[in-house]
Amino acid sequence: GDYISVWNVSGVDKPTDEQLNAFESEADAVEALNQVYANRKAEYPSIQDCVHAILDDDLENLQILRQAVKNKFPKENN
């Protein structure tokens, strides 16, 4: 895998393997959450559908549709 063979940054200590692993884990979690958001965005009702739901007083149905997308792509699976 990747590694730091030479560290020559003045005034900054070379990160430990534990620190690098922690950063990688955090980055993986952020990447997974961003994928959830992208999936949700692709399936949420469009802005036009939302406007029509508001104007037609159909917010309950809109919320049902949005919740179905949230259930399909939960944040907890990351």
Protein backbone atom coordinates (compact mmCIF):
# COMPACT_ATOMS: atom_id res chain seq x y z
CA GLY A 1 0.00 0.00 0.00
CA ASP A 2 0.88 3.66 0.08
CA TYR A 3 3.35 4.90 2.66
CA ILE A 4 5.41 7.96 3.51
CA SER A 5 9.04 7.04 2.80
CA VAL A 6 10.53 10.48 3.51
CA TRP A 7 9.12 13.17 5.78
CA ASN A 8 10.74 16.56 5.41
CA VAL A 9 8.00 18.99 6.45
CA SER A 10 9.47 21.58 8.77
CA GLY A 11 7.55 22.18 11.98
CA VAL A 12 5.10 19.29 11.47
CA ASP A 13 5.60 15.86 12.99
CA LYS A 14 5.29 12.85 10.71
CA PRO A 15 1.84 11.31 11.25
CA THR A 16 1.75 7.91 12.91
CA ASP A 17 0.23 4.85 11.28
CA GLU A 18 -2.62 5.13 13.80
CA GLN A 19 -3.30 8.72 12.74
CA LEU A 20 -3.20 7.83 9.07
CA ASN A 21 -5.55 4.88 9.62
CA ALA A 22 -7.94 7.13 11.56
CA PHE A 23 -7.95 9.69 8.73
CA GLU A 24 -8.56 6.93 6.19
CA SER A 25 -11.47 5.54 8.23
CA GLU A 26 -12.98 9.00 8.55
CA ALA A 27 -12.58 9.60 4.81
CA ASP A 28 -14.24 6.26 4.04
CA ALA A 29 -17.20 7.20 6.27
CA VAL A 30 -17.57 10.61 4.61
CA GLU A 31 -17.37 9.02 1.17
CA ALA A 32 -20.06 6.47 2.07
CA LEU A 33 -22.34 9.20 3.46
CA ASN A 34 -21.85 11.28 0.32
CA GLN A 35 -22.93 8.25 -1.73
CA VAL A 36 -26.10 7.98 0.39
CA TYR A 37 -26.84 11.65 -0.28
CA ALA A 38 -26.22 11.21 -4.03
CA ASN A 39 -28.52 8.19 -4.14
CA ARG A 40 -31.23 10.04 -2.26
CA LYS A 41 -30.94 13.12 -4.46
CA ALA A 42 -31.37 10.99 -7.58
CA GLU A 43 -34.62 9.49 -6.28
CA TYR A 44 -36.23 12.33 -4.31
CA PRO A 45 -39.23 14.03 -5.90
CA SER A 46 -38.20 16.87 -8.19
CA ILE A 47 -38.47 20.52 -7.17
CA GLN A 48 -41.44 20.83 -9.54
CA ASP A 49 -43.15 17.88 -7.83
CA CYS A 50 -42.53 19.50 -4.45
CA VAL A 51 -43.98 22.81 -5.59
CA HIS A 52 -47.06 21.06 -6.97
CA ALA A 53 -47.48 19.14 -3.70
CA ILE A 54 -47.33 22.41 -1.75
CA LEU A 55 -49.79 24.16 -4.05
CA ASP A 56 -52.12 21.15 -4.18
CA ASP A 57 -51.99 20.71 -0.38
CA ASP A 58 -50.50 17.22 -0.79
CA LEU A 59 -47.61 17.50 1.66
CA GLU A 60 -48.49 14.25 3.40
CA ASN A 61 -47.98 12.25 0.21
CA LEU A 62 -44.76 14.16 -0.52
CA GLN A 63 -43.41 13.24 2.91
CA ILE A 64 -44.33 9.59 2.33
CA LEU A 65 -42.36 9.61 -0.93
CA ARG A 66 -39.36 11.28 0.72
CA GLN A 67 -39.40 8.85 3.64
CA ALA A 68 -39.47 5.89 1.26
CA VAL A 69 -36.24 7.19 -0.32
CA LYS A 70 -34.67 7.70 3.11
CA ASN A 71 -35.64 4.15 4.08
CA LYS A 72 -34.14 2.81 0.85
CA PHE A 73 -30.84 4.66 1.45
CA PRO A 74 -30.36 4.91 5.24
CA LYS A 75 -27.38 6.73 6.72
CA GLU A 76 -26.85 3.96 9.28
CA ASN A 77 -25.48 1.50 6.68
CA ASN A 78 -22.19 3.35 6.56
